[in-house]
Amino acid sequence: MKIVADENISRTVVVWLRKEGHDVAWITEKHGQYTDEQVLRLARKEQRILLTHDKDFGDWIFRRRAPHAGVILLRFQRYEKGLYLAALGKLFCEHSDRLRNNFVIISENSFRFRKQILPTPAP
């Protein structure tokens, strides 16, 4: 899977994703000064799923109707490497077909999938 890891994603998670065979572009490595808008635009242009801790992307997608290729928002109460990796592994294994063009919120015990509803063009 093609993923853009936001700058707030740890090196441990990025390394693990790459070892699992995912094509990961990590913002920290090449685009450290990008704004949220630029990160979202890059992910869409390259058709990558955006992996982030930043809730502001929900605003970009649901209020501003920004187009995207998919977003995974990590919302854990505490950072625990094993918990993160297990949840991501389960998500990719069981729901990889549902990630494209969805906004997915991962917490300790659940995955929530939200579809962006774009306005219909006027006739």
PDB file of N, CA and C in Angstrom:
ATOM      1  N   MET A   1       0.839  -1.168   0.000  1.00  0.00           N
ATOM      2  CA  MET A   1       0.000   0.000   0.000  1.00  0.00           C
ATOM      3  C   MET A   1       0.893   1.243   0.000  1.00  0.00           C
ATOM      4  N   LYS A   2       0.457   2.276  -0.704  1.00  0.00           N
ATOM      5  CA  LYS A   2       1.192   3.536  -0.739  1.00  0.00           C
ATOM      6  C   LYS A   2       0.673   4.447   0.374  1.00  0.00           C
ATOM      7  N   ILE A   3       1.602   4.915   1.211  1.00  0.00           N
ATOM      8  CA  ILE A   3       1.250   5.693   2.398  1.00  0.00           C
ATOM      9  C   ILE A   3       2.126   6.934   2.478  1.00  0.00           C
ATOM     10  N   VAL A   4       1.532   8.046   2.938  1.00  0.00           N
ATOM     11  CA  VAL A   4       2.299   9.209   3.365  1.00  0.00           C
ATOM     12  C   VAL A   4       2.185   9.235   4.882  1.00  0.00           C
ATOM     13  N   ALA A   5       3.322   9.156   5.563  1.00  0.00           N
ATOM     14  CA  ALA A   5       3.339   9.247   7.023  1.00  0.00           C
ATOM     15  C   ALA A   5       3.610  10.703   7.392  1.00  0.00           C
ATOM     16  N   ASP A   6       2.692  11.306   8.103  1.00  0.00           N
ATOM     17  CA  ASP A   6       2.841  12.692   8.533  1.00  0.00           C
ATOM     18  C   ASP A   6       4.065  12.822   9.436  1.00  0.00           C
ATOM     19  N   GLU A   7       4.506  14.036   9.646  1.00  0.00           N
ATOM     20  CA  GLU A   7       5.709  14.259  10.462  1.00  0.00           C
ATOM     21  C   GLU A   7       5.534  13.821  11.911  1.00  0.00           C
ATOM     22  N   ASN A   8       4.288  13.667  12.368  1.00  0.00           N
ATOM     23  CA  ASN A   8       4.049  13.261  13.754  1.00  0.00           C
ATOM     24  C   ASN A   8       4.021  11.734  13.945  1.00  0.00           C
ATOM     25  N   ILE A   9       4.297  11.009  12.891  1.00  0.00           N
ATOM     26  CA  ILE A   9       4.367   9.551  12.973  1.00  0.00           C
ATOM     27  C   ILE A   9       5.802   9.164  13.330  1.00  0.00           C
ATOM     28  N   SER A  10       5.958   8.265  14.279  1.00  0.00           N
ATOM     29  CA  SER A  10       7.301   7.914  14.768  1.00  0.00           C
ATOM     30  C   SER A  10       8.093   7.098  13.740  1.00  0.00           C
ATOM     31  N   ARG A  11       9.385   7.211  13.864  1.00  0.00           N
ATOM     32  CA  ARG A  11      10.297   6.437  13.007  1.00  0.00           C
ATOM     33  C   ARG A  11      10.011   4.938  13.152  1.00  0.00           C
ATOM     34  N   THR A  12       9.711   4.495  14.362  1.00  0.00           N
ATOM     35  CA  THR A  12       9.420   3.078  14.608  1.00  0.00           C
ATOM     36  C   THR A  12       8.270   2.596  13.733  1.00  0.00           C
ATOM     37  N   VAL A  13       7.208   3.381  13.654  1.00  0.00           N
ATOM     38  CA  VAL A  13       6.043   3.009  12.845  1.00  0.00           C
ATOM     39  C   VAL A  13       6.416   3.013  11.364  1.00  0.00           C
ATOM     40  N   VAL A  14       7.148   4.020  10.918  1.00  0.00           N
ATOM     41  CA  VAL A  14       7.555   4.108   9.505  1.00  0.00           C
ATOM     42  C   VAL A  14       8.416   2.910   9.125  1.00  0.00           C
ATOM     43  N   VAL A  15       9.392   2.581   9.952  1.00  0.00           N
ATOM     44  CA  VAL A  15      10.277   1.439   9.678  1.00  0.00           C
ATOM     45  C   VAL A  15       9.467   0.150   9.629  1.00  0.00           C
ATOM     46  N   TRP A  16       8.553  -0.027  10.570  1.00  0.00           N
ATOM     47  CA  TRP A  16       7.728  -1.232  10.602  1.00  0.00           C
ATOM     48  C   TRP A  16       6.870  -1.336   9.339  1.00  0.00           C
ATOM     49  N   LEU A  17       6.246  -0.226   8.939  1.00  0.00           N
ATOM     50  CA  LEU A  17       5.415  -0.243   7.725  1.00  0.00           C
ATOM     51  C   LEU A  17       6.243  -0.646   6.509  1.00  0.00           C
ATOM     52  N   ARG A  18       7.441  -0.114   6.403  1.00  0.00           N
ATOM     53  CA  ARG A  18       8.308  -0.458   5.273  1.00  0.00           C
ATOM     54  C   ARG A  18       8.707  -1.931   5.315  1.00  0.00           C
ATOM     55  N   LYS A  19       8.988  -2.442   6.493  1.00  0.00           N
ATOM     56  CA  LYS A  19       9.330  -3.868   6.621  1.00  0.00           C
ATOM     57  C   LYS A  19       8.153  -4.758   6.235  1.00  0.00           C
ATOM     58  N   GLU A  20       6.949  -4.243   6.449  1.00  0.00           N
ATOM     59  CA  GLU A  20       5.739  -4.983   6.078  1.00  0.00           C
ATOM     60  C   GLU A  20       5.452  -4.896   4.576  1.00  0.00           C
ATOM     61  N   GLY A  21       6.274  -4.157   3.856  1.00  0.00           N
ATOM     62  CA  GLY A  21       6.143  -4.085   2.396  1.00  0.00           C
ATOM     63  C   GLY A  21       5.396  -2.877   1.868  1.00  0.00           C
ATOM     64  N   HIS A  22       5.054  -1.932   2.728  1.00  0.00           N
ATOM     65  CA  HIS A  22       4.334  -0.742   2.275  1.00  0.00           C
ATOM     66  C   HIS A  22       5.316   0.290   1.724  1.00  0.00           C
ATOM     67  N   ASP A  23       4.867   1.022   0.745  1.00  0.00           N
ATOM     68  CA  ASP A  23       5.651   2.106   0.134  1.00  0.00           C
ATOM     69  C   ASP A  23       5.333   3.374   0.931  1.00  0.00           C
ATOM     70  N   VAL A  24       6.242   3.750   1.833  1.00  0.00           N
ATOM     71  CA  VAL A  24       5.975   4.858   2.753  1.00  0.00           C
ATOM     72  C   VAL A  24       6.842   6.066   2.428  1.00  0.00           C
ATOM     73  N   ALA A  25       6.175   7.188   2.146  1.00  0.00           N
ATOM     74  CA  ALA A  25       6.849   8.483   2.017  1.00  0.00           C
ATOM     75  C   ALA A  25       6.639   9.191   3.349  1.00  0.00           C
ATOM     76  N   TRP A  26       7.727   9.466   4.065  1.00  0.00           N
ATOM     77  CA  TRP A  26       7.638  10.086   5.388  1.00  0.00           C
ATOM     78  C   TRP A  26       7.920  11.567   5.244  1.00  0.00           C
ATOM     79  N   ILE A  27       6.984  12.405   5.616  1.00  0.00           N
ATOM     80  CA  ILE A  27       7.108  13.854   5.481  1.00  0.00           C
ATOM     81  C   ILE A  27       8.395  14.357   6.117  1.00  0.00           C
ATOM     82  N   THR A  28       8.777  13.804   7.246  1.00  0.00           N
ATOM     83  CA  THR A  28       9.983  14.229   7.952  1.00  0.00           C
ATOM     84  C   THR A  28      11.236  14.095   7.089  1.00  0.00           C
ATOM     85  N   GLU A  29      11.279  13.105   6.225  1.00  0.00           N
ATOM     86  CA  GLU A  29      12.478  12.855   5.420  1.00  0.00           C
ATOM     87  C   GLU A  29      12.667  13.837   4.270  1.00  0.00           C
ATOM     88  N   LYS A  30      11.579  14.276   3.640  1.00  0.00           N
ATOM     89  CA  LYS A  30      11.744  15.096   2.438  1.00  0.00           C
ATOM     90  C   LYS A  30      10.966  16.405   2.441  1.00  0.00           C
ATOM     91  N   HIS A  31       9.930  16.483   3.233  1.00  0.00           N
ATOM     92  CA  HIS A  31       9.037  17.646   3.162  1.00  0.00           C
ATOM     93  C   HIS A  31       8.717  18.192   4.547  1.00  0.00           C
ATOM     94  N   GLY A  32       9.704  18.316   5.399  1.00  0.00           N
ATOM     95  CA  GLY A  32       9.519  18.696   6.792  1.00  0.00           C
ATOM     96  C   GLY A  32       8.827  20.026   7.032  1.00  0.00           C
ATOM     97  N   GLN A  33       8.856  20.907   6.074  1.00  0.00           N
ATOM     98  CA  GLN A  33       8.246  22.224   6.249  1.00  0.00           C
ATOM     99  C   GLN A  33       6.847  22.322   5.625  1.00  0.00           C
ATOM    100  N   TYR A  34       6.297  21.225   5.160  1.00  0.00           N
ATOM    101  CA  TYR A  34       4.996  21.253   4.500  1.00  0.00           C
ATOM    102  C   TYR A  34       3.881  21.614   5.493  1.00  0.00           C
ATOM    103  N   THR A  35       2.919  22.369   5.014  1.00  0.00           N
ATOM    104  CA  THR A  35       1.708  22.647   5.782  1.00  0.00           C
ATOM    105  C   THR A  35       0.774  21.443   5.647  1.00  0.00           C
ATOM    106  N   ASP A  36      -0.279  21.409   6.457  1.00  0.00           N
ATOM    107  CA  ASP A  36      -1.261  20.324   6.343  1.00  0.00           C
ATOM    108  C   ASP A  36      -1.850  20.274   4.939  1.00  0.00           C
ATOM    109  N   GLU A  37      -2.136  21.417   4.377  1.00  0.00           N
ATOM    110  CA  GLU A  37      -2.707  21.463   3.022  1.00  0.00           C
ATOM    111  C   GLU A  37      -1.747  20.851   2.008  1.00  0.00           C
ATOM    112  N   GLN A  38      -0.473  21.158   2.132  1.00  0.00           N
ATOM    113  CA  GLN A  38       0.514  20.609   1.205  1.00  0.00           C
ATOM    114  C   GLN A  38       0.666  19.096   1.391  1.00  0.00           C
ATOM    115  N   VAL A  39       0.615  18.639   2.629  1.00  0.00           N
ATOM    116  CA  VAL A  39       0.708  17.198   2.903  1.00  0.00           C
ATOM    117  C   VAL A  39      -0.475  16.481   2.261  1.00  0.00           C
ATOM    118  N   LEU A  40      -1.671  17.011   2.444  1.00  0.00           N
ATOM    119  CA  LEU A  40      -2.869  16.405   1.882  1.00  0.00           C
ATOM    120  C   LEU A  40      -2.811  16.408   0.359  1.00  0.00           C
ATOM    121  N   ARG A  41      -2.346  17.491  -0.214  1.00  0.00           N
ATOM    122  CA  ARG A  41      -2.227  17.603  -1.672  1.00  0.00           C
ATOM    123  C   ARG A  41      -1.218  16.581  -2.216  1.00  0.00           C
ATOM    124  N   LEU A  42      -0.069  16.435  -1.522  1.00  0.00           N
ATOM    125  CA  LEU A  42       0.940  15.466  -1.936  1.00  0.00           C
ATOM    126  C   LEU A  42       0.372  14.042  -1.898  1.00  0.00           C
ATOM    127  N   ALA A  43      -0.305  13.712  -0.813  1.00  0.00           N
ATOM    128  CA  ALA A  43      -0.888  12.373  -0.682  1.00  0.00           C
ATOM    129  C   ALA A  43      -1.886  12.102  -1.800  1.00  0.00           C
ATOM    130  N   ARG A  44      -2.700  13.067  -2.113  1.00  0.00           N
ATOM    131  CA  ARG A  44      -3.691  12.882  -3.181  1.00  0.00           C
ATOM    132  C   ARG A  44      -3.015  12.747  -4.533  1.00  0.00           C
ATOM    133  N   LYS A  45      -2.061  13.628  -4.799  1.00  0.00           N
ATOM    134  CA  LYS A  45      -1.353  13.604  -6.090  1.00  0.00           C
ATOM    135  C   LYS A  45      -0.687  12.249  -6.321  1.00  0.00           C
ATOM    136  N   GLU A  46      -0.085  11.691  -5.270  1.00  0.00           N
ATOM    137  CA  GLU A  46       0.619  10.416  -5.394  1.00  0.00           C
ATOM    138  C   GLU A  46      -0.280   9.217  -5.074  1.00  0.00           C
ATOM    139  N   GLN A  47      -1.577   9.483  -4.843  1.00  0.00           N
ATOM    140  CA  GLN A  47      -2.555   8.447  -4.512  1.00  0.00           C
ATOM    141  C   GLN A  47      -2.086   7.581  -3.338  1.00  0.00           C
ATOM    142  N   ARG A  48      -1.699   8.284  -2.250  1.00  0.00           N
ATOM    143  CA  ARG A  48      -1.243   7.626  -1.031  1.00  0.00           C
ATOM    144  C   ARG A  48      -2.251   7.861   0.090  1.00  0.00           C
ATOM    145  N   ILE A  49      -2.366   6.891   0.976  1.00  0.00           N
ATOM    146  CA  ILE A  49      -3.169   7.032   2.179  1.00  0.00           C
ATOM    147  C   ILE A  49      -2.343   7.855   3.167  1.00  0.00           C
ATOM    148  N   LEU A  50      -2.939   8.860   3.778  1.00  0.00           N
ATOM    149  CA  LEU A  50      -2.247   9.689   4.758  1.00  0.00           C
ATOM    150  C   LEU A  50      -2.416   9.088   6.148  1.00  0.00           C
ATOM    151  N   LEU A  51      -1.302   8.859   6.838  1.00  0.00           N
ATOM    152  CA  LEU A  51      -1.302   8.348   8.208  1.00  0.00           C
ATOM    153  C   LEU A  51      -0.869   9.481   9.126  1.00  0.00           C
ATOM    154  N   THR A  52      -1.699   9.818  10.117  1.00  0.00           N
ATOM    155  CA  THR A  52      -1.424  10.990  10.947  1.00  0.00           C
ATOM    156  C   THR A  52      -2.025  10.863  12.342  1.00  0.00           C
ATOM    157  N   HIS A  53      -1.557  11.736  13.236  1.00  0.00           N
ATOM    158  CA  HIS A  53      -2.164  11.930  14.560  1.00  0.00           C
ATOM    159  C   HIS A  53      -2.953  13.241  14.587  1.00  0.00           C
ATOM    160  N   ASP A  54      -2.887  14.009  13.536  1.00  0.00           N
ATOM    161  CA  ASP A  54      -3.390  15.380  13.488  1.00  0.00           C
ATOM    162  C   ASP A  54      -4.881  15.428  13.136  1.00  0.00           C
ATOM    163  N   LYS A  55      -5.705  15.807  14.115  1.00  0.00           N
ATOM    164  CA  LYS A  55      -7.153  15.898  13.903  1.00  0.00           C
ATOM    165  C   LYS A  55      -7.539  16.989  12.914  1.00  0.00           C
ATOM    166  N   ASP A  56      -6.635  17.936  12.652  1.00  0.00           N
ATOM    167  CA  ASP A  56      -6.947  19.025  11.722  1.00  0.00           C
ATOM    168  C   ASP A  56      -7.279  18.515  10.324  1.00  0.00           C
ATOM    169  N   PHE A  57      -6.804  17.333   9.968  1.00  0.00           N
ATOM    170  CA  PHE A  57      -7.119  16.802   8.641  1.00  0.00           C
ATOM    171  C   PHE A  57      -8.610  16.502   8.511  1.00  0.00           C
ATOM    172  N   GLY A  58      -9.275  16.217   9.620  1.00  0.00           N
ATOM    173  CA  GLY A  58     -10.726  16.045   9.592  1.00  0.00           C
ATOM    174  C   GLY A  58     -11.414  17.326   9.169  1.00  0.00           C
ATOM    175  N   ASP A  59     -10.907  18.456   9.636  1.00  0.00           N
ATOM    176  CA  ASP A  59     -11.446  19.751   9.234  1.00  0.00           C
ATOM    177  C   ASP A  59     -11.245  19.973   7.743  1.00  0.00           C
ATOM    178  N   TRP A  60     -10.050  19.678   7.255  1.00  0.00           N
ATOM    179  CA  TRP A  60      -9.768  19.849   5.826  1.00  0.00           C
ATOM    180  C   TRP A  60     -10.725  19.021   4.974  1.00  0.00           C
ATOM    181  N   ILE A  61     -11.012  17.830   5.417  1.00  0.00           N
ATOM    182  CA  ILE A  61     -11.808  16.919   4.596  1.00  0.00           C
ATOM    183  C   ILE A  61     -13.307  17.124   4.751  1.00  0.00           C
ATOM    184  N   PHE A  62     -13.773  17.293   5.965  1.00  0.00           N
ATOM    185  CA  PHE A  62     -15.215  17.352   6.168  1.00  0.00           C
ATOM    186  C   PHE A  62     -15.796  18.762   6.160  1.00  0.00           C
ATOM    187  N   ARG A  63     -15.033  19.752   6.521  1.00  0.00           N
ATOM    188  CA  ARG A  63     -15.547  21.126   6.476  1.00  0.00           C
ATOM    189  C   ARG A  63     -15.165  21.839   5.194  1.00  0.00           C
ATOM    190  N   ARG A  64     -13.920  21.666   4.797  1.00  0.00           N
ATOM    191  CA  ARG A  64     -13.429  22.359   3.601  1.00  0.00           C
ATOM    192  C   ARG A  64     -13.583  21.520   2.341  1.00  0.00           C
ATOM    193  N   ARG A  65     -14.004  20.283   2.505  1.00  0.00           N
ATOM    194  CA  ARG A  65     -14.243  19.366   1.387  1.00  0.00           C
ATOM    195  C   ARG A  65     -13.001  19.129   0.522  1.00  0.00           C
ATOM    196  N   ALA A  66     -11.843  19.081   1.153  1.00  0.00           N
ATOM    197  CA  ALA A  66     -10.595  18.837   0.413  1.00  0.00           C
ATOM    198  C   ALA A  66     -10.586  17.405  -0.112  1.00  0.00           C
ATOM    199  N   PRO A  67     -10.269  17.237  -1.375  1.00  0.00           N
ATOM    200  CA  PRO A  67     -10.179  15.877  -1.918  1.00  0.00           C
ATOM    201  C   PRO A  67      -8.979  15.148  -1.324  1.00  0.00           C
ATOM    202  N   HIS A  68      -9.077  13.835  -1.234  1.00  0.00           N
ATOM    203  CA  HIS A  68      -8.005  13.030  -0.642  1.00  0.00           C
ATOM    204  C   HIS A  68      -8.070  11.622  -1.204  1.00  0.00           C
ATOM    205  N   ALA A  69      -7.010  10.867  -0.976  1.00  0.00           N
ATOM    206  CA  ALA A  69      -6.961   9.466  -1.409  1.00  0.00           C
ATOM    207  C   ALA A  69      -7.287   8.521  -0.261  1.00  0.00           C
ATOM    208  N   GLY A  70      -7.394   9.071   0.947  1.00  0.00           N
ATOM    209  CA  GLY A  70      -7.673   8.287   2.146  1.00  0.00           C
ATOM    210  C   GLY A  70      -6.835   8.812   3.296  1.00  0.00           C
ATOM    211  N   VAL A  71      -7.390   8.752   4.503  1.00  0.00           N
ATOM    212  CA  VAL A  71      -6.689   9.221   5.694  1.00  0.00           C
ATOM    213  C   VAL A  71      -6.897   8.203   6.812  1.00  0.00           C
ATOM    214  N   ILE A  72      -5.815   7.909   7.533  1.00  0.00           N
ATOM    215  CA  ILE A  72      -5.903   7.099   8.743  1.00  0.00           C
ATOM    216  C   ILE A  72      -5.467   7.994   9.897  1.00  0.00           C
ATOM    217  N   LEU A  73      -6.397   8.273  10.801  1.00  0.00           N
ATOM    218  CA  LEU A  73      -6.132   9.121  11.958  1.00  0.00           C
ATOM    219  C   LEU A  73      -5.958   8.240  13.187  1.00  0.00           C
ATOM    220  N   LEU A  74      -4.782   8.305  13.793  1.00  0.00           N
ATOM    221  CA  LEU A  74      -4.486   7.523  14.999  1.00  0.00           C
ATOM    222  C   LEU A  74      -4.944   8.306  16.223  1.00  0.00           C
ATOM    223  N   ARG A  75      -5.862   7.743  16.997  1.00  0.00           N
ATOM    224  CA  ARG A  75      -6.419   8.417  18.178  1.00  0.00           C
ATOM    225  C   ARG A  75      -6.325   7.493  19.386  1.00  0.00           C
ATOM    226  N   PHE A  76      -5.141   7.252  19.852  1.00  0.00           N
ATOM    227  CA  PHE A  76      -4.908   6.399  21.012  1.00  0.00           C
ATOM    228  C   PHE A  76      -4.769   7.266  22.263  1.00  0.00           C
ATOM    229  N   GLN A  77      -5.160   6.720  23.412  1.00  0.00           N
ATOM    230  CA  GLN A  77      -5.038   7.447  24.672  1.00  0.00           C
ATOM    231  C   GLN A  77      -3.578   7.610  25.082  1.00  0.00           C
ATOM    232  N   ARG A  78      -2.764   6.607  24.740  1.00  0.00           N
ATOM    233  CA  ARG A  78      -1.342   6.670  25.087  1.00  0.00           C
ATOM    234  C   ARG A  78      -0.545   6.014  23.968  1.00  0.00           C
ATOM    235  N   TYR A  79       0.696   6.422  23.837  1.00  0.00           N
ATOM    236  CA  TYR A  79       1.555   5.819  22.833  1.00  0.00           C
ATOM    237  C   TYR A  79       2.174   4.555  23.413  1.00  0.00           C
ATOM    238  N   GLU A  80       1.889   3.471  22.760  1.00  0.00           N
ATOM    239  CA  GLU A  80       2.482   2.193  23.121  1.00  0.00           C
ATOM    240  C   GLU A  80       2.779   1.475  21.806  1.00  0.00           C
ATOM    241  N   LYS A  81       4.050   1.357  21.486  1.00  0.00           N
ATOM    242  CA  LYS A  81       4.480   0.856  20.187  1.00  0.00           C
ATOM    243  C   LYS A  81       3.753  -0.421  19.779  1.00  0.00           C
ATOM    244  N   GLY A  82       3.701  -1.397  20.662  1.00  0.00           N
ATOM    245  CA  GLY A  82       3.064  -2.667  20.332  1.00  0.00           C
ATOM    246  C   GLY A  82       1.598  -2.518  19.984  1.00  0.00           C
ATOM    247  N   LEU A  83       0.912  -1.662  20.706  1.00  0.00           N
ATOM    248  CA  LEU A  83      -0.505  -1.415  20.470  1.00  0.00           C
ATOM    249  C   LEU A  83      -0.730  -0.778  19.097  1.00  0.00           C
ATOM    250  N   TYR A  84       0.079   0.228  18.775  1.00  0.00           N
ATOM    251  CA  TYR A  84      -0.012   0.896  17.467  1.00  0.00           C
ATOM    252  C   TYR A  84       0.200  -0.098  16.333  1.00  0.00           C
ATOM    253  N   LEU A  85       1.287  -0.849  16.433  1.00  0.00           N
ATOM    254  CA  LEU A  85       1.640  -1.762  15.348  1.00  0.00           C
ATOM    255  C   LEU A  85       0.609  -2.866  15.194  1.00  0.00           C
ATOM    256  N   ALA A  86       0.092  -3.375  16.302  1.00  0.00           N
ATOM    257  CA  ALA A  86      -0.943  -4.413  16.232  1.00  0.00           C
ATOM    258  C   ALA A  86      -2.209  -3.870  15.573  1.00  0.00           C
ATOM    259  N   ALA A  87      -2.612  -2.662  15.949  1.00  0.00           N
ATOM    260  CA  ALA A  87      -3.824  -2.068  15.381  1.00  0.00           C
ATOM    261  C   ALA A  87      -3.649  -1.798  13.883  1.00  0.00           C
ATOM    262  N   LEU A  88      -2.497  -1.252  13.510  1.00  0.00           N
ATOM    263  CA  LEU A  88      -2.247  -0.996  12.082  1.00  0.00           C
ATOM    264  C   LEU A  88      -2.189  -2.306  11.298  1.00  0.00           C
ATOM    265  N   GLY A  89      -1.537  -3.314  11.862  1.00  0.00           N
ATOM    266  CA  GLY A  89      -1.469  -4.614  11.201  1.00  0.00           C
ATOM    267  C   GLY A  89      -2.857  -5.194  10.973  1.00  0.00           C
ATOM    268  N   LYS A  90      -3.703  -5.102  11.991  1.00  0.00           N
ATOM    269  CA  LYS A  90      -5.076  -5.610  11.873  1.00  0.00           C
ATOM    270  C   LYS A  90      -5.864  -4.812  10.832  1.00  0.00           C
ATOM    271  N   LEU A  91      -5.703  -3.490  10.852  1.00  0.00           N
ATOM    272  CA  LEU A  91      -6.406  -2.648   9.879  1.00  0.00           C
ATOM    273  C   LEU A  91      -6.018  -3.025   8.458  1.00  0.00           C
ATOM    274  N   PHE A  92      -4.718  -3.130   8.185  1.00  0.00           N
ATOM    275  CA  PHE A  92      -4.264  -3.448   6.831  1.00  0.00           C
ATOM    276  C   PHE A  92      -4.648  -4.865   6.423  1.00  0.00           C
ATOM    277  N   CYS A  93      -4.632  -5.777   7.358  1.00  0.00           N
ATOM    278  CA  CYS A  93      -4.967  -7.169   7.061  1.00  0.00           C
ATOM    279  C   CYS A  93      -6.465  -7.353   6.801  1.00  0.00           C
ATOM    280  N   GLU A  94      -7.290  -6.751   7.634  1.00  0.00           N
ATOM    281  CA  GLU A  94      -8.735  -6.994   7.570  1.00  0.00           C
ATOM    282  C   GLU A  94      -9.532  -5.966   6.765  1.00  0.00           C
ATOM    283  N   HIS A  95      -8.969  -4.769   6.569  1.00  0.00           N
ATOM    284  CA  HIS A  95      -9.768  -3.710   5.950  1.00  0.00           C
ATOM    285  C   HIS A  95      -9.041  -2.946   4.837  1.00  0.00           C
ATOM    286  N   SER A  96      -8.001  -3.530   4.268  1.00  0.00           N
ATOM    287  CA  SER A  96      -7.232  -2.786   3.255  1.00  0.00           C
ATOM    288  C   SER A  96      -8.106  -2.336   2.081  1.00  0.00           C
ATOM    289  N   ASP A  97      -9.150  -3.088   1.780  1.00  0.00           N
ATOM    290  CA  ASP A  97     -10.041  -2.730   0.678  1.00  0.00           C
ATOM    291  C   ASP A  97     -10.947  -1.548   1.018  1.00  0.00           C
ATOM    292  N   ARG A  98     -10.979  -1.118   2.266  1.00  0.00           N
ATOM    293  CA  ARG A  98     -11.852  -0.016   2.683  1.00  0.00           C
ATOM    294  C   ARG A  98     -11.099   1.284   2.962  1.00  0.00           C
ATOM    295  N   LEU A  99      -9.782   1.297   2.760  1.00  0.00           N
ATOM    296  CA  LEU A  99      -8.986   2.466   3.128  1.00  0.00           C
ATOM    297  C   LEU A  99      -9.015   3.571   2.075  1.00  0.00           C
ATOM    298  N   ARG A 100      -9.019   3.206   0.815  1.00  0.00           N
ATOM    299  CA  ARG A 100      -8.972   4.186  -0.258  1.00  0.00           C
ATOM    300  C   ARG A 100     -10.198   5.096  -0.192  1.00  0.00           C
ATOM    301  N   ASN A 101      -9.946   6.402  -0.186  1.00  0.00           N
ATOM    302  CA  ASN A 101     -10.986   7.440  -0.210  1.00  0.00           C
ATOM    303  C   ASN A 101     -11.862   7.492   1.047  1.00  0.00           C
ATOM    304  N   ASN A 102     -11.448   6.836   2.105  1.00  0.00           N
ATOM    305  CA  ASN A 102     -12.165   6.905   3.379  1.00  0.00           C
ATOM    306  C   ASN A 102     -11.317   7.621   4.420  1.00  0.00           C
ATOM    307  N   PHE A 103     -11.981   8.144   5.420  1.00  0.00           N
ATOM    308  CA  PHE A 103     -11.330   8.726   6.584  1.00  0.00           C
ATOM    309  C   PHE A 103     -11.517   7.704   7.694  1.00  0.00           C
ATOM    310  N   VAL A 104     -10.420   7.111   8.147  1.00  0.00           N
ATOM    311  CA  VAL A 104     -10.484   6.035   9.132  1.00  0.00           C
ATOM    312  C   VAL A 104      -9.886   6.527  10.445  1.00  0.00           C
ATOM    313  N   ILE A 105     -10.631   6.325  11.513  1.00  0.00           N
ATOM    314  CA  ILE A 105     -10.153   6.696  12.841  1.00  0.00           C
ATOM    315  C   ILE A 105      -9.865   5.403  13.600  1.00  0.00           C
ATOM    316  N   ILE A 106      -8.613   5.272  14.059  1.00  0.00           N
ATOM    317  CA  ILE A 106      -8.211   4.086  14.821  1.00  0.00           C
ATOM    318  C   ILE A 106      -8.034   4.487  16.284  1.00  0.00           C
ATOM    319  N   SER A 107      -8.649   3.712  17.161  1.00  0.00           N
ATOM    320  CA  SER A 107      -8.396   3.875  18.599  1.00  0.00           C
ATOM    321  C   SER A 107      -7.972   2.518  19.142  1.00  0.00           C
ATOM    322  N   GLU A 108      -7.792   2.415  20.448  1.00  0.00           N
ATOM    323  CA  GLU A 108      -7.340   1.158  21.046  1.00  0.00           C
ATOM    324  C   GLU A 108      -8.242  -0.014  20.683  1.00  0.00           C
ATOM    325  N   ASN A 109      -9.536   0.243  20.616  1.00  0.00           N
ATOM    326  CA  ASN A 109     -10.489  -0.865  20.465  1.00  0.00           C
ATOM    327  C   ASN A 109     -11.336  -0.836  19.203  1.00  0.00           C
ATOM    328  N   SER A 110     -11.113   0.124  18.321  1.00  0.00           N
ATOM    329  CA  SER A 110     -12.033   0.185  17.187  1.00  0.00           C
ATOM    330  C   SER A 110     -11.441   0.883  15.966  1.00  0.00           C
ATOM    331  N   PHE A 111     -12.112   0.633  14.845  1.00  0.00           N
ATOM    332  CA  PHE A 111     -11.864   1.341  13.595  1.00  0.00           C
ATOM    333  C   PHE A 111     -13.188   1.975  13.207  1.00  0.00           C
ATOM    334  N   ARG A 112     -13.158   3.253  12.887  1.00  0.00           N
ATOM    335  CA  ARG A 112     -14.365   3.926  12.383  1.00  0.00           C
ATOM    336  C   ARG A 112     -14.066   4.433  10.989  1.00  0.00           C
ATOM    337  N   PHE A 113     -14.952   4.145  10.059  1.00  0.00           N
ATOM    338  CA  PHE A 113     -14.786   4.543   8.668  1.00  0.00           C
ATOM    339  C   PHE A 113     -15.806   5.622   8.336  1.00  0.00           C
ATOM    340  N   ARG A 114     -15.326   6.741   7.814  1.00  0.00           N
ATOM    341  CA  ARG A 114     -16.214   7.831   7.409  1.00  0.00           C
ATOM    342  C   ARG A 114     -15.943   8.159   5.952  1.00  0.00           C
ATOM    343  N   LYS A 115     -16.981   8.198   5.178  1.00  0.00           N
ATOM    344  CA  LYS A 115     -16.876   8.534   3.765  1.00  0.00           C
ATOM    345  C   LYS A 115     -17.100  10.033   3.610  1.00  0.00           C
ATOM    346  N   GLN A 116     -16.270  10.657   2.810  1.00  0.00           N
ATOM    347  CA  GLN A 116     -16.438  12.076   2.526  1.00  0.00           C
ATOM    348  C   GLN A 116     -17.568  12.227   1.512  1.00  0.00           C
ATOM    349  N   ILE A 117     -18.510  13.086   1.825  1.00  0.00           N
ATOM    350  CA  ILE A 117     -19.608  13.334   0.899  1.00  0.00           C
ATOM    351  C   ILE A 117     -19.347  14.668   0.221  1.00  0.00           C
ATOM    352  N   LEU A 118     -19.095  14.588  -1.056  1.00  0.00           N
ATOM    353  CA  LEU A 118     -18.819  15.798  -1.831  1.00  0.00           C
ATOM    354  C   LEU A 118     -20.113  16.355  -2.385  1.00  0.00           C
ATOM    355  N   PRO A 119     -20.212  17.679  -2.503  1.00  0.00           N
ATOM    356  CA  PRO A 119     -21.422  18.266  -3.053  1.00  0.00           C
ATOM    357  C   PRO A 119     -21.615  17.854  -4.506  1.00  0.00           C
ATOM    358  N   THR A 120     -22.872  17.674  -4.879  1.00  0.00           N
ATOM    359  CA  THR A 120     -23.155  17.336  -6.277  1.00  0.00           C
ATOM    360  C   THR A 120     -23.112  18.606  -7.111  1.00  0.00           C
ATOM    361  N   PRO A 121     -22.471  18.527  -8.274  1.00  0.00           N
ATOM    362  CA  PRO A 121     -22.413  19.711  -9.134  1.00  0.00           C
ATOM    363  C   PRO A 121     -23.807  20.108  -9.621  1.00  0.00           C
ATOM    364  N   ALA A 122     -24.013  21.389  -9.715  1.00  0.00           N
ATOM    365  CA  ALA A 122     -25.311  21.900 -10.210  1.00  0.00           C
ATOM    366  C   ALA A 122     -25.453  21.562 -11.690  1.00  0.00           C
ATOM    367  N   PRO A 123     -26.696  21.267 -12.125  1.00  0.00           N
ATOM    368  CA  PRO A 123     -26.916  20.931 -13.548  1.00  0.00           C
ATOM    369  C   PRO A 123     -26.708  22.093 -14.469  1.00  0.00           C
TER     370      PRO A 123
END
